[in-house]
Amino acid sequence: MNWPLVLNFAVALFAVTNPLGNLPIFISYVGKEKPSVQRLLALFLVLTVFVSQLVFLLSGTAILRFFGISLAAFRIAGGILLLLIGINMIQGERTKAHQKLADVGSKSAFRRAETAYQSFFIPLGIPIFVGPASISTAVLYGNLANNLPTNLGLVGAVIAICIVSWLTLAVASWFERILGDLGLEITSRLLGLILAAIGVQFILNGLSEATIGLINRAIINSP
């Protein structure tokens, strides 16, 4: 097994999945749910990450080639999606999404979590937790693995990152109590602006890859 490759992949995947950095976004969407529902939503989310990473790790290049999609195009599409989601958050669309759950009422936590995740799968699942960065990371390291033990090690790294992500998201209710309803609403609007900016950055990165030399590199690499 190529241990350096596995360890590098684990660090890179944790960085691009960024459960700590994405925790406020997770809270802004699920903060009004009960802790039991939040934990189930976190479980659904990490299962999405696991399945997606597994698929792209083992056959990502073949999938993109089959559909004729480049990573640059994927970045641009993800950026446009993030930009639209960010605008919706700024305009308070998250609150409207919560209103759609009213008819679920006091049904079981699993049923409510299932309904909520259908509403929040985009953007929570894709492209925030499973986006162009995490997919390209899986494709890259999947191509570098040249034997079964190394591939199994990469799968183990995905499992480890998913466990860490779930443990991080499972404490969302504690942060929600600190922020309160007003804090959640303000946080949601601010994060909407940040998401919109990240979306524009994704678009610029994709355009930079697709049109080499036509976009100022200082814009792409600026902090």
C-alpha atoms as a PDB file:
ATOM      1  CA  MET A   1       0.000   0.000   0.000  1.00  0.00           C
ATOM      2  CA  ASN A   2       1.189   3.482  -0.882  1.00  0.00           C
ATOM      3  CA  TRP A   3       0.759   5.066   2.563  1.00  0.00           C
ATOM      4  CA  PRO A   4       2.024   8.558   1.593  1.00  0.00           C
ATOM      5  CA  LEU A   5      -0.558   8.689  -1.203  1.00  0.00           C
ATOM      6  CA  VAL A   6      -3.356   7.573   1.141  1.00  0.00           C
ATOM      7  CA  LEU A   7      -2.394  10.097   3.829  1.00  0.00           C
ATOM      8  CA  ASN A   8      -2.107  12.914   1.303  1.00  0.00           C
ATOM      9  CA  PHE A   9      -5.532  12.023  -0.064  1.00  0.00           C
ATOM     10  CA  ALA A  10      -7.052  12.016   3.433  1.00  0.00           C
ATOM     11  CA  VAL A  11      -5.640  15.477   4.176  1.00  0.00           C
ATOM     12  CA  ALA A  12      -6.709  16.857   0.790  1.00  0.00           C
ATOM     13  CA  LEU A  13     -10.216  15.404   1.071  1.00  0.00           C
ATOM     14  CA  PHE A  14     -10.679  16.809   4.565  1.00  0.00           C
ATOM     15  CA  ALA A  15      -9.558  20.218   3.317  1.00  0.00           C
ATOM     16  CA  VAL A  16     -11.950  20.337   0.362  1.00  0.00           C
ATOM     17  CA  THR A  17     -14.892  18.768   2.228  1.00  0.00           C
ATOM     18  CA  ASN A  18     -14.217  21.214   5.072  1.00  0.00           C
ATOM     19  CA  PRO A  19     -16.834  20.060   7.617  1.00  0.00           C
ATOM     20  CA  LEU A  20     -15.722  22.692  10.140  1.00  0.00           C
ATOM     21  CA  GLY A  21     -15.961  25.533   7.657  1.00  0.00           C
ATOM     22  CA  ASN A  22     -19.277  24.281   6.290  1.00  0.00           C
ATOM     23  CA  LEU A  23     -20.816  23.801   9.737  1.00  0.00           C
ATOM     24  CA  PRO A  24     -22.373  27.321   9.799  1.00  0.00           C
ATOM     25  CA  ILE A  25     -23.952  26.648   6.388  1.00  0.00           C
ATOM     26  CA  PHE A  26     -25.337  23.347   7.676  1.00  0.00           C
ATOM     27  CA  ILE A  27     -26.749  25.122  10.732  1.00  0.00           C
ATOM     28  CA  SER A  28     -28.334  27.845   8.597  1.00  0.00           C
ATOM     29  CA  TYR A  29     -30.358  25.182   6.791  1.00  0.00           C
ATOM     30  CA  VAL A  30     -31.199  22.730   9.580  1.00  0.00           C
ATOM     31  CA  GLY A  31     -30.920  24.883  12.713  1.00  0.00           C
ATOM     32  CA  LYS A  32     -34.695  24.986  13.261  1.00  0.00           C
ATOM     33  CA  GLU A  33     -34.991  21.195  13.305  1.00  0.00           C
ATOM     34  CA  LYS A  34     -34.830  19.019  16.419  1.00  0.00           C
ATOM     35  CA  PRO A  35     -31.399  17.610  17.368  1.00  0.00           C
ATOM     36  CA  SER A  36     -32.507  14.089  16.389  1.00  0.00           C
ATOM     37  CA  VAL A  37     -33.520  15.336  12.941  1.00  0.00           C
ATOM     38  CA  GLN A  38     -30.265  17.269  12.602  1.00  0.00           C
ATOM     39  CA  ARG A  39     -28.228  14.148  13.355  1.00  0.00           C
ATOM     40  CA  LEU A  40     -30.170  12.183  10.752  1.00  0.00           C
ATOM     41  CA  LEU A  41     -29.650  14.966   8.217  1.00  0.00           C
ATOM     42  CA  ALA A  42     -25.934  14.886   9.012  1.00  0.00           C
ATOM     43  CA  LEU A  43     -25.979  11.125   8.427  1.00  0.00           C
ATOM     44  CA  PHE A  44     -27.741  11.538   5.072  1.00  0.00           C
ATOM     45  CA  LEU A  45     -25.195  14.176   4.127  1.00  0.00           C
ATOM     46  CA  VAL A  46     -22.113  12.098   4.933  1.00  0.00           C
ATOM     47  CA  LEU A  47     -23.649   9.097   3.140  1.00  0.00           C
ATOM     48  CA  THR A  48     -23.990  11.330   0.084  1.00  0.00           C
ATOM     49  CA  VAL A  49     -20.336  12.314   0.451  1.00  0.00           C
ATOM     50  CA  PHE A  50     -19.280   8.675   0.847  1.00  0.00           C
ATOM     51  CA  VAL A  51     -21.180   7.346  -2.166  1.00  0.00           C
ATOM     52  CA  SER A  52     -20.150  10.258  -4.397  1.00  0.00           C
ATOM     53  CA  GLN A  53     -16.490  10.063  -3.424  1.00  0.00           C
ATOM     54  CA  LEU A  54     -16.477   6.290  -3.859  1.00  0.00           C
ATOM     55  CA  VAL A  55     -17.947   6.535  -7.351  1.00  0.00           C
ATOM     56  CA  PHE A  56     -15.576   9.264  -8.536  1.00  0.00           C
ATOM     57  CA  LEU A  57     -12.599   7.677  -6.792  1.00  0.00           C
ATOM     58  CA  LEU A  58     -13.037   4.386  -8.614  1.00  0.00           C
ATOM     59  CA  SER A  59     -14.460   5.529 -11.934  1.00  0.00           C
ATOM     60  CA  GLY A  60     -14.558   9.327 -12.027  1.00  0.00           C
ATOM     61  CA  THR A  61     -12.441   9.766 -15.152  1.00  0.00           C
ATOM     62  CA  ALA A  62     -14.506   7.232 -17.079  1.00  0.00           C
ATOM     63  CA  ILE A  63     -17.763   8.935 -16.037  1.00  0.00           C
ATOM     64  CA  LEU A  64     -16.634  12.400 -17.102  1.00  0.00           C
ATOM     65  CA  ARG A  65     -15.210  11.035 -20.357  1.00  0.00           C
ATOM     66  CA  PHE A  66     -18.426   9.113 -21.077  1.00  0.00           C
ATOM     67  CA  PHE A  67     -20.523  12.261 -20.811  1.00  0.00           C
ATOM     68  CA  GLY A  68     -17.877  14.395 -22.502  1.00  0.00           C
ATOM     69  CA  ILE A  69     -17.569  16.687 -19.481  1.00  0.00           C
ATOM     70  CA  SER A  70     -14.337  18.426 -18.562  1.00  0.00           C
ATOM     71  CA  LEU A  71     -13.439  19.462 -15.023  1.00  0.00           C
ATOM     72  CA  ALA A  72     -13.449  23.060 -16.244  1.00  0.00           C
ATOM     73  CA  ALA A  73     -17.076  22.702 -17.358  1.00  0.00           C
ATOM     74  CA  PHE A  74     -17.932  21.050 -14.052  1.00  0.00           C
ATOM     75  CA  ARG A  75     -16.374  23.939 -12.149  1.00  0.00           C
ATOM     76  CA  ILE A  76     -18.345  26.491 -14.163  1.00  0.00           C
ATOM     77  CA  ALA A  77     -21.617  24.599 -13.661  1.00  0.00           C
ATOM     78  CA  GLY A  78     -20.958  24.266  -9.937  1.00  0.00           C
ATOM     79  CA  GLY A  79     -20.107  27.942  -9.740  1.00  0.00           C
ATOM     80  CA  ILE A  80     -23.335  29.005 -11.442  1.00  0.00           C
ATOM     81  CA  LEU A  81     -25.314  26.773  -9.084  1.00  0.00           C
ATOM     82  CA  LEU A  82     -23.572  28.201  -6.005  1.00  0.00           C
ATOM     83  CA  LEU A  83     -24.138  31.738  -7.281  1.00  0.00           C
ATOM     84  CA  LEU A  84     -27.888  31.117  -7.669  1.00  0.00           C
ATOM     85  CA  ILE A  85     -28.129  29.439  -4.250  1.00  0.00           C
ATOM     86  CA  GLY A  86     -26.234  32.320  -2.650  1.00  0.00           C
ATOM     87  CA  ILE A  87     -28.636  34.846  -4.175  1.00  0.00           C
ATOM     88  CA  ASN A  88     -31.610  32.823  -2.919  1.00  0.00           C
ATOM     89  CA  MET A  89     -30.160  32.734   0.608  1.00  0.00           C
ATOM     90  CA  ILE A  90     -29.664  36.492   0.576  1.00  0.00           C
ATOM     91  CA  GLN A  91     -33.307  36.901  -0.441  1.00  0.00           C
ATOM     92  CA  GLY A  92     -34.540  34.613   2.335  1.00  0.00           C
ATOM     93  CA  GLU A  93     -35.393  31.553   0.226  1.00  0.00           C
ATOM     94  CA  ARG A  94     -34.153  29.290   3.022  1.00  0.00           C
ATOM     95  CA  THR A  95     -37.087  30.387   5.165  1.00  0.00           C
ATOM     96  CA  LYS A  96     -39.486  29.450   2.357  1.00  0.00           C
ATOM     97  CA  ALA A  97     -37.888  26.027   2.182  1.00  0.00           C
ATOM     98  CA  HIS A  98     -38.590  25.543   5.879  1.00  0.00           C
ATOM     99  CA  GLN A  99     -42.223  26.440   5.296  1.00  0.00           C
ATOM    100  CA  LYS A 100     -42.508  23.532   2.855  1.00  0.00           C
ATOM    101  CA  LEU A 101     -41.890  21.183   5.786  1.00  0.00           C
ATOM    102  CA  ALA A 102     -44.916  22.405   7.717  1.00  0.00           C
ATOM    103  CA  ASP A 103     -47.168  19.677   6.331  1.00  0.00           C
ATOM    104  CA  VAL A 104     -44.824  17.025   7.716  1.00  0.00           C
ATOM    105  CA  GLY A 105     -45.809  18.166  11.201  1.00  0.00           C
ATOM    106  CA  SER A 106     -44.807  15.930  14.083  1.00  0.00           C
ATOM    107  CA  LYS A 107     -44.154  12.772  12.098  1.00  0.00           C
ATOM    108  CA  SER A 108     -41.164  10.581  12.914  1.00  0.00           C
ATOM    109  CA  ALA A 109     -37.709  12.147  12.991  1.00  0.00           C
ATOM    110  CA  PHE A 110     -36.627   9.942  10.080  1.00  0.00           C
ATOM    111  CA  ARG A 111     -39.596  11.010   7.938  1.00  0.00           C
ATOM    112  CA  ARG A 112     -38.996  14.695   8.692  1.00  0.00           C
ATOM    113  CA  ALA A 113     -35.247  14.353   8.023  1.00  0.00           C
ATOM    114  CA  GLU A 114     -35.988  12.596   4.749  1.00  0.00           C
ATOM    115  CA  THR A 115     -38.343  15.357   3.655  1.00  0.00           C
ATOM    116  CA  ALA A 116     -35.934  18.078   4.743  1.00  0.00           C
ATOM    117  CA  TYR A 117     -33.011  16.513   2.908  1.00  0.00           C
ATOM    118  CA  GLN A 118     -35.013  16.423  -0.305  1.00  0.00           C
ATOM    119  CA  SER A 119     -35.363  20.202   0.036  1.00  0.00           C
ATOM    120  CA  PHE A 120     -31.774  20.864   1.119  1.00  0.00           C
ATOM    121  CA  PHE A 121     -29.894  18.252  -0.934  1.00  0.00           C
ATOM    122  CA  ILE A 122     -28.918  21.128  -3.196  1.00  0.00           C
ATOM    123  CA  PRO A 123     -26.846  22.981  -2.140  1.00  0.00           C
ATOM    124  CA  LEU A 124     -25.889  21.113   1.064  1.00  0.00           C
ATOM    125  CA  GLY A 125     -25.054  17.804  -0.593  1.00  0.00           C
ATOM    126  CA  ILE A 126     -24.054  19.193  -3.966  1.00  0.00           C
ATOM    127  CA  PRO A 127     -22.092  21.363  -4.557  1.00  0.00           C
ATOM    128  CA  ILE A 128     -21.093  22.434  -1.002  1.00  0.00           C
ATOM    129  CA  PHE A 129     -19.908  19.095   0.396  1.00  0.00           C
ATOM    130  CA  VAL A 130     -19.551  17.289  -2.938  1.00  0.00           C
ATOM    131  CA  GLY A 131     -18.326  19.891  -5.375  1.00  0.00           C
ATOM    132  CA  PRO A 132     -15.805  20.285  -8.181  1.00  0.00           C
ATOM    133  CA  ALA A 133     -12.893  20.424  -5.732  1.00  0.00           C
ATOM    134  CA  SER A 134     -13.747  17.164  -3.940  1.00  0.00           C
ATOM    135  CA  ILE A 135     -14.638  15.397  -7.189  1.00  0.00           C
ATOM    136  CA  SER A 136     -11.412  16.457  -8.906  1.00  0.00           C
ATOM    137  CA  THR A 137      -9.478  15.343  -5.806  1.00  0.00           C
ATOM    138  CA  ALA A 138     -11.103  11.904  -5.942  1.00  0.00           C
ATOM    139  CA  VAL A 139     -10.472  11.577  -9.684  1.00  0.00           C
ATOM    140  CA  LEU A 140      -6.833  12.632  -9.357  1.00  0.00           C
ATOM    141  CA  TYR A 141      -5.927  10.280  -6.504  1.00  0.00           C
ATOM    142  CA  GLY A 142      -7.983   7.467  -8.009  1.00  0.00           C
ATOM    143  CA  ASN A 143      -5.809   7.669 -11.118  1.00  0.00           C
ATOM    144  CA  LEU A 144      -2.623   7.583  -9.011  1.00  0.00           C
ATOM    145  CA  ALA A 145      -3.614   4.392  -7.170  1.00  0.00           C
ATOM    146  CA  ASN A 146      -2.116   1.459  -9.080  1.00  0.00           C
ATOM    147  CA  ASN A 147      -2.914  -1.530  -6.864  1.00  0.00           C
ATOM    148  CA  LEU A 148      -5.772  -2.965  -4.822  1.00  0.00           C
ATOM    149  CA  PRO A 149      -4.309  -2.272  -1.334  1.00  0.00           C
ATOM    150  CA  THR A 150      -3.845   1.408  -2.194  1.00  0.00           C
ATOM    151  CA  ASN A 151      -7.377   1.648  -3.557  1.00  0.00           C
ATOM    152  CA  LEU A 152      -8.685   0.087  -0.341  1.00  0.00           C
ATOM    153  CA  GLY A 153      -6.604   2.586   1.630  1.00  0.00           C
ATOM    154  CA  LEU A 154      -8.193   5.469  -0.285  1.00  0.00           C
ATOM    155  CA  VAL A 155     -11.658   4.056   0.428  1.00  0.00           C
ATOM    156  CA  GLY A 156     -10.707   3.809   4.105  1.00  0.00           C
ATOM    157  CA  ALA A 157      -9.656   7.474   4.026  1.00  0.00           C
ATOM    158  CA  VAL A 158     -13.078   8.412   2.638  1.00  0.00           C
ATOM    159  CA  ILE A 159     -14.763   6.473   5.462  1.00  0.00           C
ATOM    160  CA  ALA A 160     -12.588   8.199   8.066  1.00  0.00           C
ATOM    161  CA  ILE A 161     -13.373  11.662   6.676  1.00  0.00           C
ATOM    162  CA  CYS A 162     -17.102  10.850   6.616  1.00  0.00           C
ATOM    163  CA  ILE A 163     -16.994   9.790  10.279  1.00  0.00           C
ATOM    164  CA  VAL A 164     -15.182  12.986  11.257  1.00  0.00           C
ATOM    165  CA  SER A 165     -17.675  15.024   9.222  1.00  0.00           C
ATOM    166  CA  TRP A 166     -20.653  13.402  10.912  1.00  0.00           C
ATOM    167  CA  LEU A 167     -19.192  13.995  14.382  1.00  0.00           C
ATOM    168  CA  THR A 168     -18.652  17.640  13.454  1.00  0.00           C
ATOM    169  CA  LEU A 169     -22.149  18.171  12.070  1.00  0.00           C
ATOM    170  CA  ALA A 170     -23.780  16.262  14.936  1.00  0.00           C
ATOM    171  CA  VAL A 171     -22.984  19.132  17.328  1.00  0.00           C
ATOM    172  CA  ALA A 172     -24.901  21.635  15.160  1.00  0.00           C
ATOM    173  CA  SER A 173     -27.722  21.884  17.724  1.00  0.00           C
ATOM    174  CA  TRP A 174     -25.265  23.193  20.322  1.00  0.00           C
ATOM    175  CA  PHE A 175     -24.163  26.009  18.001  1.00  0.00           C
ATOM    176  CA  GLU A 176     -27.778  26.674  17.046  1.00  0.00           C
ATOM    177  CA  ARG A 177     -28.687  27.339  20.679  1.00  0.00           C
ATOM    178  CA  ILE A 178     -25.879  29.873  20.869  1.00  0.00           C
ATOM    179  CA  LEU A 179     -26.912  31.718  17.683  1.00  0.00           C
ATOM    180  CA  GLY A 180     -30.689  31.733  18.183  1.00  0.00           C
ATOM    181  CA  ASP A 181     -33.250  32.478  15.456  1.00  0.00           C
ATOM    182  CA  LEU A 182     -32.013  35.994  14.752  1.00  0.00           C
ATOM    183  CA  GLY A 183     -28.407  34.823  14.641  1.00  0.00           C
ATOM    184  CA  LEU A 184     -29.318  32.036  12.225  1.00  0.00           C
ATOM    185  CA  GLU A 185     -31.126  34.447   9.920  1.00  0.00           C
ATOM    186  CA  ILE A 186     -28.236  36.926   9.909  1.00  0.00           C
ATOM    187  CA  THR A 187     -25.722  34.101   9.415  1.00  0.00           C
ATOM    188  CA  SER A 188     -27.762  32.733   6.520  1.00  0.00           C
ATOM    189  CA  ARG A 189     -27.781  36.087   4.706  1.00  0.00           C
ATOM    190  CA  LEU A 190     -24.041  36.609   5.241  1.00  0.00           C
ATOM    191  CA  LEU A 191     -23.234  33.076   4.098  1.00  0.00           C
ATOM    192  CA  GLY A 192     -25.409  33.652   1.048  1.00  0.00           C
ATOM    193  CA  LEU A 193     -23.118  36.492   0.055  1.00  0.00           C
ATOM    194  CA  ILE A 194     -20.062  34.298   0.660  1.00  0.00           C
ATOM    195  CA  LEU A 195     -21.561  31.433  -1.354  1.00  0.00           C
ATOM    196  CA  ALA A 196     -22.292  33.806  -4.223  1.00  0.00           C
ATOM    197  CA  ALA A 197     -18.666  34.967  -4.152  1.00  0.00           C
ATOM    198  CA  ILE A 198     -17.415  31.365  -4.047  1.00  0.00           C
ATOM    199  CA  GLY A 199     -19.645  30.601  -7.022  1.00  0.00           C
ATOM    200  CA  VAL A 200     -18.114  33.466  -9.004  1.00  0.00           C
ATOM    201  CA  GLN A 201     -14.653  32.193  -8.041  1.00  0.00           C
ATOM    202  CA  PHE A 202     -15.538  28.703  -9.304  1.00  0.00           C
ATOM    203  CA  ILE A 203     -16.717  30.219 -12.585  1.00  0.00           C
ATOM    204  CA  LEU A 204     -13.477  32.190 -12.936  1.00  0.00           C
ATOM    205  CA  ASN A 205     -11.412  29.075 -12.191  1.00  0.00           C
ATOM    206  CA  GLY A 206     -13.328  27.060 -14.771  1.00  0.00           C
ATOM    207  CA  LEU A 207     -13.049  29.784 -17.395  1.00  0.00           C
ATOM    208  CA  SER A 208      -9.337  30.076 -16.647  1.00  0.00           C
ATOM    209  CA  GLU A 209      -8.856  26.362 -17.340  1.00  0.00           C
ATOM    210  CA  ALA A 210     -11.009  26.455 -20.476  1.00  0.00           C
ATOM    211  CA  THR A 211      -9.500  29.670 -21.893  1.00  0.00           C
ATOM    212  CA  ILE A 212      -5.836  29.519 -20.938  1.00  0.00           C
ATOM    213  CA  GLY A 213      -4.213  32.925 -20.938  1.00  0.00           C
ATOM    214  CA  LEU A 214      -7.388  34.953 -21.478  1.00  0.00           C
ATOM    215  CA  ILE A 215      -8.079  35.641 -17.786  1.00  0.00           C
ATOM    216  CA  ASN A 216      -5.710  37.498 -15.493  1.00  0.00           C
ATOM    217  CA  ARG A 217      -4.122  34.899 -13.193  1.00  0.00           C
ATOM    218  CA  ALA A 218      -3.984  37.476 -10.394  1.00  0.00           C
ATOM    219  CA  ILE A 219      -7.797  37.345 -10.203  1.00  0.00           C
ATOM    220  CA  ILE A 220      -7.760  33.568  -9.893  1.00  0.00           C
ATOM    221  CA  ASN A 221      -4.995  33.376  -7.292  1.00  0.00           C
ATOM    222  CA  SER A 222      -5.850  36.424  -5.197  1.00  0.00           C
ATOM    223  CA  PRO A 223      -6.650  35.722  -1.497  1.00  0.00           C
END
